[in-house]
Structures are given as structure tokens and as C-alpha cells.
Amino acid sequence: MTCLSAGALAAGCRGSDNEPPVATPTATLSSARVPVGAPLEITYRFDVAQGTKIDGSSRVFVHFLDSEGERMWGDDHTPVPPTPQWSPGRRVEYTRLIWLPIYPYTGETRVRVGLYAADGSRLPLSGMDAGRREYEVATFTLLPQSENIFLIFKDGWHPAESQPDQPNVSWEWTKKEATLAFRNPKQDVTFFLEADGRTDVFNPPQRVTILVNDQPLHTVTMERDPKLHRLPITAAQLGVQEMVELTIQTDRAFTPSAVPTGQPGYGSDTRELGIRVYHAFVGTEPRK
């Protein structure tokens, strides 16, 4: 049986098997309308069933499907806390931010979740079962990329790079100073900067100042692992001109080939490197 009741979740509908559900999943999205390439926050919640204990570590699978039910991409992850720490009757809730990939589709997008064990078997949950223990928890409208604020990467950027074994993870190194430009939306925005620094080269870690139209607004400290910084910028700080310049100014840069011997992974690279940027994005308030 497949549940067809309205709403993001139909409690008590479990599909065709008779195993008792281990939890009830729900998901809340930060926006109901999101452009391709934009960040999206998803708050996952699992209400663990009474008298249930999950043996072993299970992972959450997340499928994003188009209006025809075709899977576009996923976001499998380990829940926080992991399932061995889930206790009967407990509510598990956590939030993840994902970057929607550049995908040739716009329109209604369905979000389905489930739990799978180490052997690949799926656990029964309580919800709107779309089949194969895959539960629909939310929908949103995927908008074209043109709905985003278009960023122009001006001076101070090196070409994009990626790891051969992780082609979906890419980054761009800045020089000591790098500049972005965008058309002024004349409203409050948030600058999303996901980046890391080289704490193995610099002690104390690098400090990065964000300037808008040459006015310093925020200063953040770089860490060895990528970290997302959300930096608010008001309409007044953007000014009244048609184009805005945003500068990423790093207090120290380095040349890999000049790093003392004994430090691995530098070789003969003679570029001036500041920080490694995985995502730079300027967004307005979420669309409702």
C-alpha cells in the first residue's frame, strides 16, 4: 500500500510491511522557493517510537526528486546524534545546510528520507511511504539560477580546482586580496563564505576582513577545515550605486614553494595563496 493522503507527513502510514516503525521523520525547509545553486537549510526531526532501540549505526538517506518522481541528487549523512544514541520516545532534531547543485530542472521538488543500516537494508518509519521505505517529508519549488544574485569574480582569484577522487568538491584559491562584484539588490543581504585557511603554515591562524565598497564590515578567523560564515550586510551598507564591490582581504598570504622543507604537499607552486574558498554566495531574505 502506498499512502496518498495530503500533507508532508501522514502519521501511521507505514507501507506494506508489518514491522513496527522505529521513528517518525519530518523535515522543515528554510524556504519554499529556492534557486538552483543557492544554499538551503533543512531541519530534520525523528521522533523515536516508544519501546524502540536501533541496533548498530544507521545513516539517513535524502532524495530530491522532480515532479515526475525521478531522483535528481541526494544528501546521505549520519544523523546527529548517531542512531546508537537514540532512545525510545526521544526527539532527535538537527539542521544541515546544503548547496543545491546546478541542475537542468525547475519546478516542484520533493524531498524523501529514510534510514538504512550498514548492510543496506532500510528501516521502517512512520510516514507517507512512497515505496521501498522511502518517506516524503517536504516539497519546495526549484527556481532558475537567474533568480540568484550573480557574482562577478574580479581580481585576486586563481582558477577553480578539485580533487580527482571528489570531482563534486571544488574550490578557488584567493590571493592576499580578492574582489567580487554584483548588482545592488538595494535590500539587506547575507554573504555566505565557506572557506578554510592553512593553520599548518600560519600561527596564529589567518584573519580575513570582508569589505564592502572599501568599508570593513566583518572579520573572521580561518580554520583548517572548511567553515561556513554567514555575514549580514544591510541595504545601507550596500550603498546606492548600481554595482557593489565586496573584497575578501586576508592578513597573510603564502607561496607554497617558499614554505620550509619538511612541510608536505607544496612542491614547486609559486602562486600567492590566501584562503581556499568553496562557496561564495550573496543571498537576499529567503523567499516564502
C-alpha atoms as a PDB file:
ATOM      1  CA  MET A   1       0.000   0.000   0.000  1.00  0.00           C
ATOM      2  CA  THR A   2       1.225   3.497  -0.806  1.00  0.00           C
ATOM      3  CA  CYS A   3      -0.161   6.376   1.248  1.00  0.00           C
ATOM      4  CA  LEU A   4      -1.761   9.156  -0.794  1.00  0.00           C
ATOM      5  CA  SER A   5      -3.058  11.448   1.950  1.00  0.00           C
ATOM      6  CA  ALA A   6      -2.347  15.169   1.698  1.00  0.00           C
ATOM      7  CA  GLY A   7       0.423  16.985   3.546  1.00  0.00           C
ATOM      8  CA  ALA A   8       4.105  16.396   4.041  1.00  0.00           C
ATOM      9  CA  LEU A   9       3.542  13.593   6.528  1.00  0.00           C
ATOM     10  CA  ALA A  10       0.722  11.149   7.148  1.00  0.00           C
ATOM     11  CA  ALA A  11       1.398   9.669  10.571  1.00  0.00           C
ATOM     12  CA  GLY A  12       0.798   5.988  10.983  1.00  0.00           C
ATOM     13  CA  CYS A  13       1.080   5.032   7.307  1.00  0.00           C
ATOM     14  CA  ARG A  14       3.902   2.520   7.030  1.00  0.00           C
ATOM     15  CA  GLY A  15       3.703   0.854   3.639  1.00  0.00           C
ATOM     16  CA  SER A  16       3.155  -2.837   3.003  1.00  0.00           C
ATOM     17  CA  ASP A  17       5.372  -4.476   5.631  1.00  0.00           C
ATOM     18  CA  ASN A  18       4.232  -5.331   9.126  1.00  0.00           C
ATOM     19  CA  GLU A  19       7.381  -4.386  11.032  1.00  0.00           C
ATOM     20  CA  PRO A  20       6.752  -1.658  13.607  1.00  0.00           C
ATOM     21  CA  PRO A  21       8.196   1.751  12.679  1.00  0.00           C
ATOM     22  CA  VAL A  22      11.295   2.841  14.581  1.00  0.00           C
ATOM     23  CA  ALA A  23      10.639   6.599  14.240  1.00  0.00           C
ATOM     24  CA  THR A  24       8.532   9.282  12.583  1.00  0.00           C
ATOM     25  CA  PRO A  25      10.502  11.618  10.273  1.00  0.00           C
ATOM     26  CA  THR A  26       9.692  15.214   9.387  1.00  0.00           C
ATOM     27  CA  ALA A  27      11.676  17.980   7.682  1.00  0.00           C
ATOM     28  CA  THR A  28      11.384  21.773   7.701  1.00  0.00           C
ATOM     29  CA  LEU A  29      12.950  23.870   4.936  1.00  0.00           C
ATOM     30  CA  SER A  30      14.317  27.390   5.348  1.00  0.00           C
ATOM     31  CA  SER A  31      12.487  28.478   2.192  1.00  0.00           C
ATOM     32  CA  ALA A  32       9.689  27.206  -0.027  1.00  0.00           C
ATOM     33  CA  ARG A  33      11.251  28.707  -3.174  1.00  0.00           C
ATOM     34  CA  VAL A  34      14.969  28.212  -3.785  1.00  0.00           C
ATOM     35  CA  PRO A  35      17.061  28.946  -6.892  1.00  0.00           C
ATOM     36  CA  VAL A  36      19.458  26.397  -8.342  1.00  0.00           C
ATOM     37  CA  GLY A  37      22.923  26.884  -6.821  1.00  0.00           C
ATOM     38  CA  ALA A  38      21.633  28.533  -3.643  1.00  0.00           C
ATOM     39  CA  PRO A  39      22.031  27.295  -0.052  1.00  0.00           C
ATOM     40  CA  LEU A  40      19.099  25.562   1.623  1.00  0.00           C
ATOM     41  CA  GLU A  41      18.779  24.740   5.307  1.00  0.00           C
ATOM     42  CA  ILE A  42      16.908  21.585   6.206  1.00  0.00           C
ATOM     43  CA  THR A  43      15.921  20.775   9.783  1.00  0.00           C
ATOM     44  CA  TYR A  44      15.418  17.044  10.185  1.00  0.00           C
ATOM     45  CA  ARG A  45      13.396  15.596  13.047  1.00  0.00           C
ATOM     46  CA  PHE A  46      12.961  11.981  14.061  1.00  0.00           C
ATOM     47  CA  ASP A  47      10.514  11.142  16.837  1.00  0.00           C
ATOM     48  CA  VAL A  48      11.744   7.768  18.055  1.00  0.00           C
ATOM     49  CA  ALA A  49       8.988   5.251  18.745  1.00  0.00           C
ATOM     50  CA  GLN A  50       8.350   4.050  22.266  1.00  0.00           C
ATOM     51  CA  GLY A  51       9.946   0.717  23.027  1.00  0.00           C
ATOM     52  CA  THR A  52      12.370   1.048  20.091  1.00  0.00           C
ATOM     53  CA  LYS A  53      16.117   0.618  20.075  1.00  0.00           C
ATOM     54  CA  ILE A  54      18.095   0.791  16.839  1.00  0.00           C
ATOM     55  CA  ASP A  55      20.938  -1.722  16.773  1.00  0.00           C
ATOM     56  CA  GLY A  56      24.085  -0.554  15.024  1.00  0.00           C
ATOM     57  CA  SER A  57      24.743   2.694  13.208  1.00  0.00           C
ATOM     58  CA  SER A  58      22.223   3.642  10.537  1.00  0.00           C
ATOM     59  CA  ARG A  59      22.520   6.514   8.072  1.00  0.00           C
ATOM     60  CA  VAL A  60      19.883   8.886   6.750  1.00  0.00           C
ATOM     61  CA  PHE A  61      19.315   8.909   3.004  1.00  0.00           C
ATOM     62  CA  VAL A  62      17.777  12.004   1.432  1.00  0.00           C
ATOM     63  CA  HIS A  63      16.484  12.020  -2.147  1.00  0.00           C
ATOM     64  CA  PHE A  64      15.459  15.093  -4.127  1.00  0.00           C
ATOM     65  CA  LEU A  65      13.033  14.216  -6.927  1.00  0.00           C
ATOM     66  CA  ASP A  66      11.461  16.140  -9.761  1.00  0.00           C
ATOM     67  CA  SER A  67       7.709  16.330 -10.432  1.00  0.00           C
ATOM     68  CA  GLU A  68       7.864  13.019 -12.332  1.00  0.00           C
ATOM     69  CA  GLY A  69       9.436  11.218  -9.394  1.00  0.00           C
ATOM     70  CA  GLU A  70      12.908  10.989 -10.948  1.00  0.00           C
ATOM     71  CA  ARG A  71      15.766  11.321  -8.488  1.00  0.00           C
ATOM     72  CA  MET A  72      17.998  14.350  -9.153  1.00  0.00           C
ATOM     73  CA  TRP A  73      20.502  14.302  -6.284  1.00  0.00           C
ATOM     74  CA  GLY A  74      20.876  13.190  -2.679  1.00  0.00           C
ATOM     75  CA  ASP A  75      22.270  14.162   0.702  1.00  0.00           C
ATOM     76  CA  ASP A  76      23.033  10.954   2.601  1.00  0.00           C
ATOM     77  CA  HIS A  77      24.510  11.635   6.032  1.00  0.00           C
ATOM     78  CA  THR A  78      24.968  10.386   9.575  1.00  0.00           C
ATOM     79  CA  PRO A  79      22.327  11.894  11.888  1.00  0.00           C
ATOM     80  CA  VAL A  80      23.268  13.970  14.921  1.00  0.00           C
ATOM     81  CA  PRO A  81      23.453  12.243  17.328  1.00  0.00           C
ATOM     82  CA  PRO A  82      24.059   8.859  15.630  1.00  0.00           C
ATOM     83  CA  THR A  83      21.330   6.233  15.886  1.00  0.00           C
ATOM     84  CA  PRO A  84      23.026   4.128  18.638  1.00  0.00           C
ATOM     85  CA  GLN A  85      22.351   7.118  20.930  1.00  0.00           C
ATOM     86  CA  TRP A  86      18.652   7.324  20.053  1.00  0.00           C
ATOM     87  CA  SER A  87      16.472   6.269  22.964  1.00  0.00           C
ATOM     88  CA  PRO A  88      12.767   5.315  22.974  1.00  0.00           C
ATOM     89  CA  GLY A  89      10.469   8.340  22.922  1.00  0.00           C
ATOM     90  CA  ARG A  90      13.293  10.759  22.188  1.00  0.00           C
ATOM     91  CA  ARG A  91      13.018  13.585  19.664  1.00  0.00           C
ATOM     92  CA  VAL A  92      16.153  13.899  17.510  1.00  0.00           C
ATOM     93  CA  GLU A  93      16.449  17.219  15.678  1.00  0.00           C
ATOM     94  CA  TYR A  94      19.320  18.825  13.776  1.00  0.00           C
ATOM     95  CA  THR A  95      19.860  21.227  10.884  1.00  0.00           C
ATOM     96  CA  ARG A  96      22.016  20.834   7.791  1.00  0.00           C
ATOM     97  CA  LEU A  97      22.829  23.392   5.122  1.00  0.00           C
ATOM     98  CA  ILE A  98      23.240  22.067   1.592  1.00  0.00           C
ATOM     99  CA  TRP A  99      24.153  23.805  -1.650  1.00  0.00           C
ATOM    100  CA  LEU A 100      21.694  22.948  -4.378  1.00  0.00           C
ATOM    101  CA  PRO A 101      23.662  21.676  -7.371  1.00  0.00           C
ATOM    102  CA  ILE A 102      23.456  23.282 -10.787  1.00  0.00           C
ATOM    103  CA  TYR A 103      20.784  21.062 -12.308  1.00  0.00           C
ATOM    104  CA  PRO A 104      18.750  21.402 -15.546  1.00  0.00           C
ATOM    105  CA  TYR A 105      15.337  21.455 -13.887  1.00  0.00           C
ATOM    106  CA  THR A 106      12.931  23.944 -12.327  1.00  0.00           C
ATOM    107  CA  GLY A 107       9.600  23.276 -10.656  1.00  0.00           C
ATOM    108  CA  GLU A 108       8.200  21.259  -7.784  1.00  0.00           C
ATOM    109  CA  THR A 109      10.855  19.270  -5.939  1.00  0.00           C
ATOM    110  CA  ARG A 110      10.039  16.504  -3.477  1.00  0.00           C
ATOM    111  CA  VAL A 111      12.185  15.570  -0.516  1.00  0.00           C
ATOM    112  CA  ARG A 112      12.154  11.966   0.674  1.00  0.00           C
ATOM    113  CA  VAL A 113      14.094  10.451   3.555  1.00  0.00           C
ATOM    114  CA  GLY A 114      14.726   7.088   5.113  1.00  0.00           C
ATOM    115  CA  LEU A 115      17.144   5.153   7.312  1.00  0.00           C
ATOM    116  CA  TYR A 116      19.415   2.372   6.138  1.00  0.00           C
ATOM    117  CA  ALA A 117      21.585   0.004   8.121  1.00  0.00           C
ATOM    118  CA  ALA A 118      25.195  -0.992   7.476  1.00  0.00           C
ATOM    119  CA  ASP A 119      24.034  -3.931   5.332  1.00  0.00           C
ATOM    120  CA  GLY A 120      21.960  -1.607   3.126  1.00  0.00           C
ATOM    121  CA  SER A 121      18.567  -2.686   4.446  1.00  0.00           C
ATOM    122  CA  ARG A 122      16.053   0.078   5.104  1.00  0.00           C
ATOM    123  CA  LEU A 123      14.341   0.554   8.446  1.00  0.00           C
ATOM    124  CA  PRO A 124      10.548   1.004   8.663  1.00  0.00           C
ATOM    125  CA  LEU A 125       9.399   4.504   9.592  1.00  0.00           C
ATOM    126  CA  SER A 126       6.013   6.067  10.218  1.00  0.00           C
ATOM    127  CA  GLY A 127       5.019   8.456   7.461  1.00  0.00           C
ATOM    128  CA  MET A 128       3.917   8.875   3.861  1.00  0.00           C
ATOM    129  CA  ASP A 129       5.628   5.862   2.302  1.00  0.00           C
ATOM    130  CA  ALA A 130       6.411   6.404  -1.372  1.00  0.00           C
ATOM    131  CA  GLY A 131       7.533   2.790  -1.640  1.00  0.00           C
ATOM    132  CA  ARG A 132      10.638   0.867  -0.579  1.00  0.00           C
ATOM    133  CA  ARG A 133      10.602   2.550   2.838  1.00  0.00           C
ATOM    134  CA  GLU A 134      11.214   5.973   1.339  1.00  0.00           C
ATOM    135  CA  TYR A 135       9.156   8.669   3.084  1.00  0.00           C
ATOM    136  CA  GLU A 136       8.100  12.007   1.630  1.00  0.00           C
ATOM    137  CA  VAL A 137       8.623  14.810   4.142  1.00  0.00           C
ATOM    138  CA  ALA A 138       8.639  18.105   2.211  1.00  0.00           C
ATOM    139  CA  THR A 139       8.310  19.861  -1.135  1.00  0.00           C
ATOM    140  CA  PHE A 140       9.713  23.129  -2.465  1.00  0.00           C
ATOM    141  CA  THR A 141       9.883  24.981  -5.759  1.00  0.00           C
ATOM    142  CA  LEU A 142      13.232  24.936  -7.531  1.00  0.00           C
ATOM    143  CA  LEU A 143      13.764  28.258  -9.319  1.00  0.00           C
ATOM    144  CA  PRO A 144      16.150  29.014 -12.195  1.00  0.00           C
ATOM    145  CA  GLN A 145      19.701  30.061 -11.371  1.00  0.00           C
ATOM    146  CA  SER A 146      18.942  33.508 -12.768  1.00  0.00           C
ATOM    147  CA  GLU A 147      16.963  34.199  -9.570  1.00  0.00           C
ATOM    148  CA  ASN A 148      20.264  34.322  -7.651  1.00  0.00           C
ATOM    149  CA  ILE A 149      22.388  37.428  -7.303  1.00  0.00           C
ATOM    150  CA  PHE A 150      25.042  36.943  -9.985  1.00  0.00           C
ATOM    151  CA  LEU A 151      28.608  37.310  -8.674  1.00  0.00           C
ATOM    152  CA  ILE A 152      31.448  38.562 -10.862  1.00  0.00           C
ATOM    153  CA  PHE A 153      34.815  37.179  -9.760  1.00  0.00           C
ATOM    154  CA  LYS A 154      37.132  40.092 -10.461  1.00  0.00           C
ATOM    155  CA  ASP A 155      40.748  40.431  -9.340  1.00  0.00           C
ATOM    156  CA  GLY A 156      42.623  38.143  -6.977  1.00  0.00           C
ATOM    157  CA  TRP A 157      41.248  34.690  -7.889  1.00  0.00           C
ATOM    158  CA  HIS A 158      43.054  31.581  -9.103  1.00  0.00           C
ATOM    159  CA  PRO A 159      41.334  29.047 -11.409  1.00  0.00           C
ATOM    160  CA  ALA A 160      38.958  26.519  -9.838  1.00  0.00           C
ATOM    161  CA  GLU A 161      40.402  23.216  -8.636  1.00  0.00           C
ATOM    162  CA  SER A 162      39.047  19.882  -7.398  1.00  0.00           C
ATOM    163  CA  GLN A 163      40.315  16.537  -6.148  1.00  0.00           C
ATOM    164  CA  PRO A 164      40.373  13.703  -8.707  1.00  0.00           C
ATOM    165  CA  ASP A 165      38.550  11.379  -6.304  1.00  0.00           C
ATOM    166  CA  GLN A 166      35.960  14.055  -5.338  1.00  0.00           C
ATOM    167  CA  PRO A 167      35.098  15.955  -8.524  1.00  0.00           C
ATOM    168  CA  ASN A 168      31.953  17.401  -6.929  1.00  0.00           C
ATOM    169  CA  VAL A 169      34.038  19.244  -4.316  1.00  0.00           C
ATOM    170  CA  SER A 170      35.743  22.260  -5.855  1.00  0.00           C
ATOM    171  CA  TRP A 171      37.370  25.432  -4.590  1.00  0.00           C
ATOM    172  CA  GLU A 172      39.162  28.568  -5.709  1.00  0.00           C
ATOM    173  CA  TRP A 173      42.224  30.000  -4.012  1.00  0.00           C
ATOM    174  CA  THR A 174      42.305  33.730  -3.437  1.00  0.00           C
ATOM    175  CA  LYS A 175      45.400  35.848  -3.494  1.00  0.00           C
ATOM    176  CA  LYS A 176      46.035  38.022  -0.430  1.00  0.00           C
ATOM    177  CA  GLU A 177      43.090  40.081  -1.619  1.00  0.00           C
ATOM    178  CA  ALA A 178      40.219  39.054  -3.893  1.00  0.00           C
ATOM    179  CA  THR A 179      37.240  41.033  -5.178  1.00  0.00           C
ATOM    180  CA  LEU A 180      33.654  40.140  -6.068  1.00  0.00           C
ATOM    181  CA  ALA A 181      31.126  42.448  -7.729  1.00  0.00           C
ATOM    182  CA  PHE A 182      27.353  42.211  -8.030  1.00  0.00           C
ATOM    183  CA  ARG A 183      24.364  44.319  -8.941  1.00  0.00           C
ATOM    184  CA  ASN A 184      22.979  46.114  -5.912  1.00  0.00           C
ATOM    185  CA  PRO A 185      19.670  44.498  -4.829  1.00  0.00           C
ATOM    186  CA  LYS A 186      19.061  47.534  -2.559  1.00  0.00           C
ATOM    187  CA  GLN A 187      17.901  45.385   0.316  1.00  0.00           C
ATOM    188  CA  ASP A 188      19.521  43.526   3.202  1.00  0.00           C
ATOM    189  CA  VAL A 189      21.568  40.506   2.139  1.00  0.00           C
ATOM    190  CA  THR A 190      23.685  37.756   3.669  1.00  0.00           C
ATOM    191  CA  PHE A 191      27.161  36.942   2.381  1.00  0.00           C
ATOM    192  CA  PHE A 192      27.843  33.205   2.653  1.00  0.00           C
ATOM    193  CA  LEU A 193      31.561  32.404   2.700  1.00  0.00           C
ATOM    194  CA  GLU A 194      32.623  28.767   3.035  1.00  0.00           C
ATOM    195  CA  ALA A 195      36.403  28.658   3.249  1.00  0.00           C
ATOM    196  CA  ASP A 196      39.430  27.311   5.070  1.00  0.00           C
ATOM    197  CA  GLY A 197      42.953  28.516   5.788  1.00  0.00           C
ATOM    198  CA  ARG A 198      46.366  26.977   6.350  1.00  0.00           C
ATOM    199  CA  THR A 199      46.808  26.637  10.082  1.00  0.00           C
ATOM    200  CA  ASP A 200      49.811  24.401   9.361  1.00  0.00           C
ATOM    201  CA  VAL A 201      51.535  27.413   7.812  1.00  0.00           C
ATOM    202  CA  PHE A 202      50.255  30.271   9.964  1.00  0.00           C
ATOM    203  CA  ASN A 203      50.191  30.506  13.740  1.00  0.00           C
ATOM    204  CA  PRO A 204      48.041  32.278  14.810  1.00  0.00           C
ATOM    205  CA  PRO A 205      45.547  31.438  12.009  1.00  0.00           C
ATOM    206  CA  GLN A 206      44.821  33.853   9.198  1.00  0.00           C
ATOM    207  CA  ARG A 207      42.290  36.615   9.759  1.00  0.00           C
ATOM    208  CA  VAL A 208      40.028  37.662   6.904  1.00  0.00           C
ATOM    209  CA  THR A 209      38.299  41.031   6.660  1.00  0.00           C
ATOM    210  CA  ILE A 210      35.242  41.497   4.458  1.00  0.00           C
ATOM    211  CA  LEU A 211      34.944  44.958   2.944  1.00  0.00           C
ATOM    212  CA  VAL A 212      32.004  46.362   1.005  1.00  0.00           C
ATOM    213  CA  ASN A 213      32.790  49.366  -1.156  1.00  0.00           C
ATOM    214  CA  ASP A 214      36.132  49.621   0.711  1.00  0.00           C
ATOM    215  CA  GLN A 215      34.430  49.767   4.113  1.00  0.00           C
ATOM    216  CA  PRO A 216      35.393  46.927   6.507  1.00  0.00           C
ATOM    217  CA  LEU A 217      32.297  45.143   7.857  1.00  0.00           C
ATOM    218  CA  HIS A 218      33.308  41.743   9.232  1.00  0.00           C
ATOM    219  CA  THR A 219      36.461  39.933  10.358  1.00  0.00           C
ATOM    220  CA  VAL A 220      36.590  36.141  10.658  1.00  0.00           C
ATOM    221  CA  THR A 221      39.294  33.633  11.598  1.00  0.00           C
ATOM    222  CA  MET A 222      40.170  30.846   9.206  1.00  0.00           C
ATOM    223  CA  GLU A 223      40.239  27.230  10.364  1.00  0.00           C
ATOM    224  CA  ARG A 224      41.958  24.165   8.930  1.00  0.00           C
ATOM    225  CA  ASP A 225      38.661  22.566   7.867  1.00  0.00           C
ATOM    226  CA  PRO A 226      36.073  24.355   5.713  1.00  0.00           C
ATOM    227  CA  LYS A 227      33.704  26.515   7.753  1.00  0.00           C
ATOM    228  CA  LEU A 228      30.633  28.416   6.623  1.00  0.00           C
ATOM    229  CA  HIS A 229      30.459  32.068   7.690  1.00  0.00           C
ATOM    230  CA  ARG A 230      27.146  33.923   7.345  1.00  0.00           C
ATOM    231  CA  LEU A 231      27.786  37.637   7.294  1.00  0.00           C
ATOM    232  CA  PRO A 232      24.854  40.086   7.222  1.00  0.00           C
ATOM    233  CA  ILE A 233      25.097  43.222   5.093  1.00  0.00           C
ATOM    234  CA  THR A 234      22.424  45.891   5.326  1.00  0.00           C
ATOM    235  CA  ALA A 235      20.970  47.832   2.420  1.00  0.00           C
ATOM    236  CA  ALA A 236      22.570  50.975   3.854  1.00  0.00           C
ATOM    237  CA  GLN A 237      25.996  49.297   3.819  1.00  0.00           C
ATOM    238  CA  LEU A 238      25.497  48.305   0.176  1.00  0.00           C
ATOM    239  CA  GLY A 239      25.034  51.954  -0.691  1.00  0.00           C
ATOM    240  CA  VAL A 240      23.052  53.488  -3.530  1.00  0.00           C
ATOM    241  CA  GLN A 241      25.284  52.755  -6.527  1.00  0.00           C
ATOM    242  CA  GLU A 242      24.170  50.178  -9.084  1.00  0.00           C
ATOM    243  CA  MET A 243      27.156  47.839  -8.573  1.00  0.00           C
ATOM    244  CA  VAL A 244      28.675  46.696  -5.285  1.00  0.00           C
ATOM    245  CA  GLU A 245      32.267  45.584  -4.754  1.00  0.00           C
ATOM    246  CA  LEU A 246      32.960  43.070  -1.989  1.00  0.00           C
ATOM    247  CA  THR A 247      36.586  42.426  -1.033  1.00  0.00           C
ATOM    248  CA  ILE A 248      37.985  39.396   0.802  1.00  0.00           C
ATOM    249  CA  GLN A 249      41.158  40.696   2.442  1.00  0.00           C
ATOM    250  CA  THR A 250      43.462  38.159   4.116  1.00  0.00           C
ATOM    251  CA  ASP A 251      46.038  39.370   6.626  1.00  0.00           C
ATOM    252  CA  ARG A 252      48.707  36.917   5.393  1.00  0.00           C
ATOM    253  CA  ALA A 253      49.314  35.004   2.181  1.00  0.00           C
ATOM    254  CA  PHE A 254      51.966  32.425   1.310  1.00  0.00           C
ATOM    255  CA  THR A 255      53.827  30.933  -1.618  1.00  0.00           C
ATOM    256  CA  PRO A 256      53.815  27.114  -1.396  1.00  0.00           C
ATOM    257  CA  SER A 257      57.282  26.693  -2.908  1.00  0.00           C
ATOM    258  CA  ALA A 258      58.723  29.008  -0.254  1.00  0.00           C
ATOM    259  CA  VAL A 259      57.367  27.020   2.679  1.00  0.00           C
ATOM    260  CA  PRO A 260      60.298  25.451   4.599  1.00  0.00           C
ATOM    261  CA  THR A 261      61.161  21.908   3.587  1.00  0.00           C
ATOM    262  CA  GLY A 262      59.587  19.187   5.651  1.00  0.00           C
ATOM    263  CA  GLN A 263      56.077  20.525   5.067  1.00  0.00           C
ATOM    264  CA  PRO A 264      54.360  18.062   2.703  1.00  0.00           C
ATOM    265  CA  GLY A 265      52.215  18.906  -0.282  1.00  0.00           C
ATOM    266  CA  TYR A 266      53.737  22.167  -1.532  1.00  0.00           C
ATOM    267  CA  GLY A 267      56.155  21.285  -4.337  1.00  0.00           C
ATOM    268  CA  SER A 268      57.032  23.972  -6.868  1.00  0.00           C
ATOM    269  CA  ASP A 269      53.825  26.029  -6.703  1.00  0.00           C
ATOM    270  CA  THR A 270      54.869  29.688  -6.910  1.00  0.00           C
ATOM    271  CA  ARG A 271      51.403  31.241  -6.656  1.00  0.00           C
ATOM    272  CA  GLU A 272      50.465  33.719  -3.965  1.00  0.00           C
ATOM    273  CA  LEU A 273      47.733  31.967  -1.945  1.00  0.00           C
ATOM    274  CA  GLY A 274      45.409  33.486   0.608  1.00  0.00           C
ATOM    275  CA  ILE A 275      42.459  31.283   1.568  1.00  0.00           C
ATOM    276  CA  ARG A 276      40.637  28.440  -0.148  1.00  0.00           C
ATOM    277  CA  VAL A 277      37.005  29.337  -0.979  1.00  0.00           C
ATOM    278  CA  TYR A 278      34.491  26.536  -1.555  1.00  0.00           C
ATOM    279  CA  HIS A 279      31.393  28.718  -1.817  1.00  0.00           C
ATOM    280  CA  ALA A 280      30.845  32.466  -2.072  1.00  0.00           C
ATOM    281  CA  PHE A 281      27.212  33.495  -2.326  1.00  0.00           C
ATOM    282  CA  VAL A 282      25.166  36.647  -1.742  1.00  0.00           C
ATOM    283  CA  GLY A 283      21.542  35.960  -0.883  1.00  0.00           C
ATOM    284  CA  THR A 284      18.517  38.038  -0.021  1.00  0.00           C
ATOM    285  CA  GLU A 285      15.990  37.030   2.627  1.00  0.00           C
ATOM    286  CA  PRO A 286      14.543  33.564   1.992  1.00  0.00           C
ATOM    287  CA  ARG A 287      11.520  33.550  -0.302  1.00  0.00           C
ATOM    288  CA  LYS A 288       8.357  32.273   1.396  1.00  0.00           C
END
